[in-house]
Amino acid sequence: MTERGSGTVLILVLSMLVLLGATAGVVRGIAVTARHRVEAAADLAALAGATAVLDGAAAACTAADEVARANGGRLSRCAVAGGVVEVVVTRVLSVGRLGRWAASGRSRAGPAPVSG
């Protein structure tokens, strides 16, 4: 048997492994970026809700929803208790043929605790 052409097959297999690794790295990078963006959107939405909490729970959640949407997310949950607003913001991540995932971030904001 001859080994002629075996180097070509080896290079082809190694190239496919490098391509697979690069694709996995890109997908992971996209997912991490989406998670950071949705966490920032949740932080901003909670702050907006806390700013409007004196107008009532409905006003707080409306303000949080507006800010979440302005940052590319969707307000999944909003709860107001004792002046503290807790939100969950979700953002759908679409990676072409690789599928769709949802990234979510949770945040809460309210008045600073009084010490003394």
Protein backbone atom coordinates (compact mmCIF):
# COMPACT_ATOMS: atom_id res chain seq x y z
CA MET A 1 0.00 0.00 0.00
CA THR A 2 1.15 3.45 -0.77
CA GLU A 3 0.86 6.43 1.53
CA ARG A 4 0.60 8.84 -1.32
CA GLY A 5 -1.96 11.59 -0.54
CA SER A 6 -2.08 10.92 3.20
CA GLY A 7 -0.63 14.38 3.91
CA THR A 8 -3.53 15.94 2.02
CA VAL A 9 -6.06 14.05 4.12
CA LEU A 10 -4.24 15.03 7.31
CA ILE A 11 -4.20 18.71 6.34
CA LEU A 12 -7.89 18.53 5.41
CA VAL A 13 -8.82 17.00 8.80
CA LEU A 14 -6.72 19.55 10.68
CA SER A 15 -8.28 22.40 8.68
CA MET A 16 -11.76 21.15 9.56
CA LEU A 17 -10.81 20.99 13.26
CA VAL A 18 -9.49 24.56 13.14
CA LEU A 19 -12.68 25.71 11.39
CA LEU A 20 -14.83 23.96 13.99
CA GLY A 21 -12.86 25.55 16.82
CA ALA A 22 -13.11 29.00 15.24
CA THR A 23 -16.88 28.61 14.77
CA ALA A 24 -17.31 27.55 18.39
CA GLY A 25 -15.26 30.55 19.51
CA VAL A 26 -17.35 32.96 17.44
CA VAL A 27 -20.62 31.53 18.76
CA ARG A 28 -19.34 31.76 22.33
CA GLY A 29 -18.25 35.34 21.76
CA ILE A 30 -21.69 36.26 20.40
CA ALA A 31 -23.38 34.61 23.38
CA VAL A 32 -21.16 36.39 25.91
CA THR A 33 -21.75 39.74 24.20
CA ALA A 34 -25.51 39.16 24.21
CA ARG A 35 -25.42 38.26 27.91
CA HIS A 36 -23.51 41.42 28.76
CA ARG A 37 -25.93 43.55 26.74
CA VAL A 38 -29.00 42.01 28.34
CA GLU A 39 -27.52 42.43 31.82
CA ALA A 40 -26.85 46.11 31.06
CA ALA A 41 -30.42 46.47 29.77
CA ALA A 42 -31.73 44.87 32.98
CA ASP A 43 -29.65 47.23 35.13
CA LEU A 44 -30.90 50.27 33.26
CA ALA A 45 -34.50 49.03 33.33
CA ALA A 46 -34.35 48.49 37.10
CA LEU A 47 -32.94 51.97 37.61
CA ALA A 48 -35.68 53.48 35.43
CA GLY A 49 -38.29 51.57 37.39
CA ALA A 50 -36.83 52.70 40.70
CA THR A 51 -36.90 56.30 39.49
CA ALA A 52 -40.64 56.01 38.71
CA VAL A 53 -41.61 53.89 41.73
CA LEU A 54 -43.09 56.87 43.60
CA ASP A 55 -45.77 57.05 40.88
CA GLY A 56 -46.82 53.47 41.63
CA ALA A 57 -45.90 49.94 40.66
CA ALA A 58 -47.55 50.17 37.22
CA ALA A 59 -45.59 53.32 36.37
CA ALA A 60 -42.37 51.71 37.57
CA CYS A 61 -42.87 48.63 35.40
CA THR A 62 -43.89 50.75 32.40
CA ALA A 63 -40.71 52.80 32.71
CA ALA A 64 -38.65 49.62 33.07
CA ASP A 65 -40.31 48.12 29.99
CA GLU A 66 -39.60 51.21 27.89
CA VAL A 67 -35.93 51.19 28.82
CA ALA A 68 -35.61 47.43 28.27
CA ARG A 69 -37.12 47.75 24.78
CA ALA A 70 -34.91 50.75 23.99
CA ASN A 71 -31.92 48.51 24.75
CA GLY A 72 -33.08 45.64 22.54
CA GLY A 73 -34.59 43.50 25.28
CA ARG A 74 -38.01 42.46 26.48
CA LEU A 75 -39.21 42.84 30.05
CA SER A 76 -40.05 39.30 31.17
CA ARG A 77 -40.84 40.06 34.80
CA CYS A 78 -41.24 43.15 36.92
CA ALA A 79 -41.92 43.16 40.65
CA VAL A 80 -42.15 46.11 43.02
CA ALA A 81 -41.90 45.63 46.78
CA GLY A 82 -41.18 48.34 49.31
CA GLY A 83 -39.74 50.75 46.76
CA VAL A 84 -37.41 48.11 45.32
CA VAL A 85 -37.91 47.20 41.67
CA GLU A 86 -36.75 43.79 40.47
CA VAL A 87 -36.76 43.05 36.74
CA VAL A 88 -35.86 40.23 34.39
CA VAL A 89 -35.01 41.24 30.82
CA THR A 90 -34.75 38.72 27.97
CA ARG A 91 -33.15 39.12 24.57
CA VAL A 92 -33.37 36.60 21.74
CA LEU A 93 -30.04 35.72 20.17
CA SER A 94 -30.19 34.51 16.57
CA VAL A 95 -27.07 32.99 15.05
CA GLY A 96 -28.19 32.20 11.52
CA ARG A 97 -28.38 28.49 10.83
CA LEU A 98 -26.94 27.67 14.24
CA GLY A 99 -30.23 28.50 15.93
CA ARG A 100 -31.83 30.93 18.34
CA TRP A 101 -31.22 31.26 22.07
CA ALA A 102 -32.54 33.57 24.74
CA ALA A 103 -30.22 35.46 27.05
CA SER A 104 -31.69 36.90 30.22
CA GLY A 105 -30.49 39.27 32.89
CA ARG A 106 -31.88 40.04 36.33
CA SER A 107 -31.43 43.25 38.27
CA ARG A 108 -32.93 45.15 41.17
CA ALA A 109 -32.79 48.77 42.22
CA GLY A 110 -34.25 50.83 44.99
CA PRO A 111 -33.40 53.31 47.69
CA ALA A 112 -30.13 53.00 49.54
CA PRO A 113 -30.45 51.44 52.99
CA VAL A 114 -30.47 53.88 55.90
CA SER A 115 -27.71 53.21 58.41
CA GLY A 116 -27.61 54.44 61.89
